[in-house]
Amino acid sequence: MGEKTRYSDTELEEFKTLIHDKLDQAKKDYDLLKSAITQDGSNDTQDTSPTFKVLEEGAATLSKEEAGKLAQRQQKFIQHLQAALIRIENKTYGVCRETGKLISKERLRAVPHATLSIEAKNAQK
């Protein structure tokens, strides 16, 4: 019997569950970051003395910028996970886009949206 060219439906279902769990968590994290940017429910600098107001506004701007960058990364992660779900539906999930071989289960469990095997990823460097 030749080398396996794709994961079985049972294995794909297993990965689908894993990805849905990660996707749910990623969306929660994204919402948290978004609320940090808009500062929903926070006290802001309205209740501090004028002396510290300038420092706090500067810190708030910096943390908003950082939260914005993190939110962008989180949104990209969500998109990658959603693309992985599409690959599961197409039954192409877990196949390296460079070598055409199966990506190891260990790698997919660690990085469920991976499209490259370790070998292909290392060859890129």
N, C-alpha and C. Protein backbone atom coordinates (compact mmCIF):
# COMPACT_ATOMS: atom_id res chain seq x y z
N MET A 1 0.84 -1.19 0.00
CA MET A 1 0.00 0.00 0.00
C MET A 1 0.88 1.25 0.00
N GLY A 2 0.48 2.23 -0.79
CA GLY A 2 1.27 3.45 -0.92
C GLY A 2 1.13 4.38 0.27
N GLU A 3 1.85 5.49 0.16
CA GLU A 3 1.82 6.49 1.22
C GLU A 3 0.46 7.20 1.24
N LYS A 4 0.00 7.51 2.43
CA LYS A 4 -1.29 8.20 2.60
C LYS A 4 -1.23 9.58 1.97
N THR A 5 -2.26 9.95 1.20
CA THR A 5 -2.24 11.25 0.54
C THR A 5 -3.15 12.27 1.21
N ARG A 6 -4.03 11.80 2.10
CA ARG A 6 -4.89 12.73 2.84
C ARG A 6 -5.33 12.08 4.14
N TYR A 7 -5.79 12.92 5.07
CA TYR A 7 -6.29 12.40 6.33
C TYR A 7 -7.70 11.85 6.14
N SER A 8 -8.05 10.85 6.94
CA SER A 8 -9.38 10.25 6.86
C SER A 8 -10.43 11.22 7.37
N ASP A 9 -11.70 10.95 7.05
CA ASP A 9 -12.79 11.81 7.50
C ASP A 9 -12.84 11.89 9.02
N THR A 10 -12.53 10.78 9.70
CA THR A 10 -12.52 10.77 11.16
C THR A 10 -11.42 11.69 11.70
N GLU A 11 -10.23 11.61 11.08
CA GLU A 11 -9.12 12.48 11.49
C GLU A 11 -9.45 13.94 11.20
N LEU A 12 -10.07 14.19 10.06
CA LEU A 12 -10.44 15.57 9.71
C LEU A 12 -11.47 16.13 10.69
N GLU A 13 -12.38 15.28 11.13
CA GLU A 13 -13.39 15.69 12.10
C GLU A 13 -12.71 16.07 13.43
N GLU A 14 -11.69 15.31 13.78
CA GLU A 14 -10.92 15.58 15.00
C GLU A 14 -10.25 16.96 14.91
N PHE A 15 -9.64 17.24 13.75
CA PHE A 15 -8.99 18.53 13.55
C PHE A 15 -10.03 19.66 13.51
N LYS A 16 -11.19 19.37 12.94
CA LYS A 16 -12.26 20.36 12.85
C LYS A 16 -12.69 20.80 14.25
N THR A 17 -12.82 19.85 15.15
CA THR A 17 -13.18 20.16 16.54
C THR A 17 -12.10 21.03 17.19
N LEU A 18 -10.85 20.65 16.99
CA LEU A 18 -9.72 21.41 17.53
C LEU A 18 -9.74 22.84 17.01
N ILE A 19 -9.96 22.99 15.71
CA ILE A 19 -9.96 24.32 15.10
C ILE A 19 -11.14 25.15 15.60
N HIS A 20 -12.31 24.53 15.72
CA HIS A 20 -13.47 25.27 16.25
C HIS A 20 -13.21 25.77 17.67
N ASP A 21 -12.56 24.94 18.49
CA ASP A 21 -12.22 25.37 19.86
C ASP A 21 -11.27 26.56 19.83
N LYS A 22 -10.24 26.47 18.98
CA LYS A 22 -9.27 27.57 18.88
C LYS A 22 -9.93 28.82 18.31
N LEU A 23 -10.84 28.62 17.37
CA LEU A 23 -11.54 29.75 16.75
C LEU A 23 -12.43 30.46 17.76
N ASP A 24 -13.14 29.71 18.58
CA ASP A 24 -13.98 30.31 19.62
C ASP A 24 -13.13 31.15 20.57
N GLN A 25 -12.00 30.59 21.00
CA GLN A 25 -11.11 31.31 21.92
C GLN A 25 -10.52 32.55 21.24
N ALA A 26 -10.14 32.41 19.97
CA ALA A 26 -9.55 33.53 19.23
C ALA A 26 -10.55 34.67 19.08
N LYS A 27 -11.81 34.33 18.84
CA LYS A 27 -12.84 35.37 18.71
C LYS A 27 -13.08 36.08 20.04
N LYS A 28 -13.04 35.33 21.14
CA LYS A 28 -13.18 35.95 22.46
C LYS A 28 -12.03 36.89 22.72
N ASP A 29 -10.81 36.44 22.40
CA ASP A 29 -9.63 37.28 22.59
C ASP A 29 -9.70 38.54 21.74
N TYR A 30 -10.18 38.38 20.51
CA TYR A 30 -10.32 39.51 19.59
C TYR A 30 -11.32 40.53 20.15
N ASP A 31 -12.44 40.04 20.64
CA ASP A 31 -13.44 40.94 21.23
C ASP A 31 -12.88 41.68 22.44
N LEU A 32 -12.08 40.99 23.23
CA LEU A 32 -11.45 41.61 24.39
C LEU A 32 -10.50 42.73 23.95
N LEU A 33 -9.72 42.46 22.91
CA LEU A 33 -8.79 43.48 22.40
C LEU A 33 -9.55 44.67 21.82
N LYS A 34 -10.63 44.38 21.11
CA LYS A 34 -11.44 45.47 20.55
C LYS A 34 -12.01 46.35 21.65
N SER A 35 -12.48 45.73 22.73
CA SER A 35 -13.04 46.54 23.82
C SER A 35 -11.94 47.31 24.53
N ALA A 36 -10.72 46.80 24.53
CA ALA A 36 -9.60 47.54 25.13
C ALA A 36 -9.28 48.78 24.29
N ILE A 37 -9.44 48.65 22.99
CA ILE A 37 -9.17 49.79 22.10
C ILE A 37 -10.23 50.86 22.28
N THR A 38 -11.48 50.45 22.33
CA THR A 38 -12.57 51.43 22.48
C THR A 38 -12.79 51.82 23.93
N GLN A 39 -12.15 51.09 24.84
CA GLN A 39 -12.23 51.33 26.28
C GLN A 39 -13.64 51.30 26.81
N ASP A 40 -14.40 50.31 26.38
CA ASP A 40 -15.76 50.12 26.90
C ASP A 40 -15.69 49.82 28.39
N GLY A 41 -16.44 50.54 29.16
CA GLY A 41 -16.55 50.27 30.59
C GLY A 41 -15.32 50.61 31.41
N SER A 42 -14.42 51.43 30.85
CA SER A 42 -13.23 51.77 31.64
C SER A 42 -13.38 53.19 32.19
N ASN A 43 -12.58 53.49 33.18
CA ASN A 43 -12.66 54.81 33.82
C ASN A 43 -11.94 55.88 33.03
N ASP A 44 -11.01 55.49 32.18
CA ASP A 44 -10.20 56.41 31.38
C ASP A 44 -9.48 57.39 32.31
N THR A 45 -9.27 58.63 31.86
CA THR A 45 -8.53 59.60 32.67
C THR A 45 -9.45 60.67 33.26
N GLN A 46 -10.74 60.49 33.14
CA GLN A 46 -11.68 61.50 33.62
C GLN A 46 -11.66 61.67 35.13
N ASP A 47 -11.27 60.61 35.85
CA ASP A 47 -11.33 60.68 37.31
C ASP A 47 -9.96 60.82 37.97
N THR A 48 -8.96 61.25 37.21
CA THR A 48 -7.63 61.43 37.80
C THR A 48 -7.29 62.91 37.88
N SER A 49 -6.33 63.22 38.73
CA SER A 49 -5.93 64.62 38.88
C SER A 49 -5.20 65.09 37.63
N PRO A 50 -5.23 66.39 37.33
CA PRO A 50 -4.61 66.93 36.11
C PRO A 50 -3.11 66.61 35.99
N THR A 51 -2.42 66.48 37.10
CA THR A 51 -0.99 66.20 37.08
C THR A 51 -0.69 64.88 36.37
N PHE A 52 -1.50 63.87 36.65
CA PHE A 52 -1.24 62.55 36.08
C PHE A 52 -1.99 62.32 34.77
N LYS A 53 -2.87 63.23 34.44
CA LYS A 53 -3.72 63.05 33.26
C LYS A 53 -2.90 62.88 31.98
N VAL A 54 -1.89 63.73 31.79
CA VAL A 54 -1.06 63.68 30.58
C VAL A 54 -0.33 62.34 30.49
N LEU A 55 0.23 61.90 31.60
CA LEU A 55 0.94 60.61 31.60
C LEU A 55 0.00 59.46 31.30
N GLU A 56 -1.16 59.49 31.90
CA GLU A 56 -2.12 58.40 31.68
C GLU A 56 -2.64 58.39 30.27
N GLU A 57 -2.86 59.57 29.68
CA GLU A 57 -3.34 59.62 28.30
C GLU A 57 -2.28 59.06 27.36
N GLY A 58 -1.01 59.37 27.63
CA GLY A 58 0.09 58.83 26.82
C GLY A 58 0.15 57.31 26.92
N ALA A 59 0.02 56.81 28.13
CA ALA A 59 0.03 55.36 28.34
C ALA A 59 -1.18 54.71 27.68
N ALA A 60 -2.31 55.38 27.76
CA ALA A 60 -3.53 54.84 27.15
C ALA A 60 -3.39 54.77 25.63
N THR A 61 -2.77 55.81 25.04
CA THR A 61 -2.55 55.81 23.59
C THR A 61 -1.63 54.67 23.20
N LEU A 62 -0.56 54.49 23.96
CA LEU A 62 0.39 53.42 23.67
C LEU A 62 -0.29 52.06 23.79
N SER A 63 -1.04 51.86 24.85
CA SER A 63 -1.68 50.56 25.01
C SER A 63 -2.77 50.35 23.96
N LYS A 64 -3.41 51.43 23.50
CA LYS A 64 -4.38 51.30 22.42
C LYS A 64 -3.69 50.87 21.12
N GLU A 65 -2.51 51.43 20.86
CA GLU A 65 -1.76 51.05 19.67
C GLU A 65 -1.34 49.59 19.74
N GLU A 66 -0.85 49.18 20.89
CA GLU A 66 -0.45 47.79 21.06
C GLU A 66 -1.66 46.86 20.93
N ALA A 67 -2.76 47.25 21.54
CA ALA A 67 -3.98 46.45 21.45
C ALA A 67 -4.46 46.38 20.00
N GLY A 68 -4.30 47.47 19.27
CA GLY A 68 -4.67 47.50 17.85
C GLY A 68 -3.85 46.52 17.03
N LYS A 69 -2.54 46.50 17.29
CA LYS A 69 -1.66 45.56 16.58
C LYS A 69 -2.00 44.12 16.94
N LEU A 70 -2.25 43.88 18.21
CA LEU A 70 -2.63 42.53 18.65
C LEU A 70 -3.96 42.12 18.04
N ALA A 71 -4.89 43.06 17.96
CA ALA A 71 -6.21 42.77 17.37
C ALA A 71 -6.06 42.41 15.89
N GLN A 72 -5.17 43.11 15.18
CA GLN A 72 -4.93 42.80 13.77
C GLN A 72 -4.35 41.39 13.62
N ARG A 73 -3.39 41.06 14.47
CA ARG A 73 -2.80 39.72 14.43
C ARG A 73 -3.86 38.66 14.75
N GLN A 74 -4.70 38.96 15.72
CA GLN A 74 -5.74 38.02 16.12
C GLN A 74 -6.73 37.82 14.98
N GLN A 75 -7.07 38.90 14.29
CA GLN A 75 -7.99 38.81 13.16
C GLN A 75 -7.38 37.96 12.04
N LYS A 76 -6.10 38.13 11.80
CA LYS A 76 -5.40 37.33 10.79
C LYS A 76 -5.41 35.85 11.19
N PHE A 77 -5.19 35.57 12.47
CA PHE A 77 -5.22 34.20 12.99
C PHE A 77 -6.60 33.59 12.77
N ILE A 78 -7.64 34.36 13.05
CA ILE A 78 -9.03 33.89 12.84
C ILE A 78 -9.25 33.54 11.37
N GLN A 79 -8.76 34.40 10.47
CA GLN A 79 -8.91 34.14 9.03
C GLN A 79 -8.18 32.86 8.62
N HIS A 80 -6.99 32.64 9.19
CA HIS A 80 -6.24 31.41 8.87
C HIS A 80 -6.99 30.17 9.37
N LEU A 81 -7.58 30.27 10.55
CA LEU A 81 -8.35 29.14 11.09
C LEU A 81 -9.58 28.87 10.23
N GLN A 82 -10.24 29.93 9.78
CA GLN A 82 -11.41 29.77 8.92
C GLN A 82 -11.02 29.14 7.58
N ALA A 83 -9.86 29.53 7.06
CA ALA A 83 -9.37 28.93 5.81
C ALA A 83 -9.06 27.44 6.02
N ALA A 84 -8.56 27.10 7.21
CA ALA A 84 -8.28 25.70 7.53
C ALA A 84 -9.57 24.89 7.54
N LEU A 85 -10.65 25.47 8.04
CA LEU A 85 -11.95 24.79 8.04
C LEU A 85 -12.43 24.53 6.61
N ILE A 86 -12.17 25.48 5.72
CA ILE A 86 -12.54 25.30 4.31
C ILE A 86 -11.73 24.15 3.71
N ARG A 87 -10.43 24.09 4.06
CA ARG A 87 -9.59 22.99 3.55
C ARG A 87 -10.09 21.65 4.07
N ILE A 88 -10.61 21.63 5.29
CA ILE A 88 -11.18 20.39 5.83
C ILE A 88 -12.39 19.98 4.99
N GLU A 89 -13.26 20.94 4.69
CA GLU A 89 -14.44 20.64 3.86
C GLU A 89 -14.04 20.14 2.48
N ASN A 90 -12.96 20.70 1.93
CA ASN A 90 -12.46 20.30 0.61
C ASN A 90 -11.61 19.03 0.66
N LYS A 91 -11.37 18.55 1.88
CA LYS A 91 -10.54 17.37 2.13
C LYS A 91 -9.09 17.54 1.65
N THR A 92 -8.61 18.79 1.69
CA THR A 92 -7.21 19.08 1.37
C THR A 92 -6.43 19.49 2.60
N TYR A 93 -7.09 19.47 3.76
CA TYR A 93 -6.45 19.88 5.00
C TYR A 93 -5.30 18.93 5.36
N GLY A 94 -4.19 19.51 5.80
CA GLY A 94 -3.06 18.71 6.26
C GLY A 94 -2.11 18.31 5.16
N VAL A 95 -2.36 18.77 3.93
CA VAL A 95 -1.47 18.46 2.82
C VAL A 95 -0.56 19.67 2.60
N CYS A 96 0.74 19.45 2.62
CA CYS A 96 1.72 20.52 2.44
C CYS A 96 1.56 21.13 1.04
N ARG A 97 1.49 22.45 0.98
CA ARG A 97 1.30 23.10 -0.32
C ARG A 97 2.58 23.12 -1.16
N GLU A 98 3.71 22.81 -0.55
CA GLU A 98 4.99 22.75 -1.27
C GLU A 98 5.31 21.34 -1.74
N THR A 99 5.24 20.39 -0.82
CA THR A 99 5.68 19.02 -1.12
C THR A 99 4.53 18.10 -1.54
N GLY A 100 3.30 18.45 -1.17
CA GLY A 100 2.16 17.59 -1.47
C GLY A 100 2.02 16.41 -0.51
N LYS A 101 2.93 16.32 0.45
CA LYS A 101 2.88 15.24 1.44
C LYS A 101 2.07 15.69 2.65
N LEU A 102 1.67 14.72 3.47
CA LEU A 102 0.91 15.06 4.67
C LEU A 102 1.77 15.77 5.70
N ILE A 103 1.21 16.78 6.31
CA ILE A 103 1.86 17.47 7.42
C ILE A 103 1.62 16.61 8.66
N SER A 104 2.61 16.49 9.50
CA SER A 104 2.49 15.62 10.67
C SER A 104 1.36 16.09 11.59
N LYS A 105 0.73 15.12 12.23
CA LYS A 105 -0.38 15.43 13.15
C LYS A 105 0.11 16.31 14.29
N GLU A 106 1.33 16.07 14.75
CA GLU A 106 1.89 16.86 15.86
C GLU A 106 1.96 18.33 15.46
N ARG A 107 2.41 18.60 14.24
CA ARG A 107 2.51 19.99 13.77
C ARG A 107 1.11 20.60 13.65
N LEU A 108 0.17 19.84 13.13
CA LEU A 108 -1.19 20.37 12.96
C LEU A 108 -1.88 20.61 14.30
N ARG A 109 -1.54 19.81 15.30
CA ARG A 109 -2.12 20.05 16.62
C ARG A 109 -1.55 21.33 17.23
N ALA A 110 -0.27 21.58 16.96
CA ALA A 110 0.38 22.78 17.48
C ALA A 110 -0.01 24.03 16.68
N VAL A 111 -0.07 23.87 15.35
CA VAL A 111 -0.40 24.98 14.46
C VAL A 111 -1.48 24.47 13.50
N PRO A 112 -2.74 24.50 13.94
CA PRO A 112 -3.80 23.87 13.15
C PRO A 112 -4.07 24.51 11.79
N HIS A 113 -3.55 25.71 11.57
CA HIS A 113 -3.76 26.36 10.28
C HIS A 113 -2.55 26.21 9.35
N ALA A 114 -1.59 25.36 9.74
CA ALA A 114 -0.36 25.18 8.95
C ALA A 114 -0.68 24.67 7.55
N THR A 115 0.04 25.22 6.58
CA THR A 115 -0.11 24.74 5.20
C THR A 115 1.22 24.19 4.67
N LEU A 116 2.24 24.24 5.53
CA LEU A 116 3.56 23.73 5.15
C LEU A 116 4.03 22.71 6.17
N SER A 117 4.69 21.68 5.69
CA SER A 117 5.32 20.71 6.60
C SER A 117 6.55 21.37 7.22
N ILE A 118 7.09 20.75 8.25
CA ILE A 118 8.30 21.28 8.88
C ILE A 118 9.43 21.37 7.86
N GLU A 119 9.57 20.35 7.05
CA GLU A 119 10.64 20.32 6.04
C GLU A 119 10.52 21.51 5.07
N ALA A 120 9.30 21.75 4.57
CA ALA A 120 9.08 22.85 3.63
C ALA A 120 9.29 24.20 4.31
N LYS A 121 8.87 24.30 5.57
CA LYS A 121 9.04 25.55 6.31
C LYS A 121 10.53 25.85 6.52
N ASN A 122 11.29 24.81 6.90
CA ASN A 122 12.73 24.99 7.11
C ASN A 122 13.45 25.32 5.81
N ALA A 123 12.98 24.78 4.70
CA ALA A 123 13.60 25.05 3.40
C ALA A 123 13.42 26.51 2.97
N GLN A 124 12.37 27.15 3.49
CA GLN A 124 12.11 28.56 3.17
C GLN A 124 13.12 29.49 3.80
N LYS A 125 13.71 29.07 4.91
CA LYS A 125 14.61 29.95 5.67
C LYS A 125 15.93 30.17 4.99
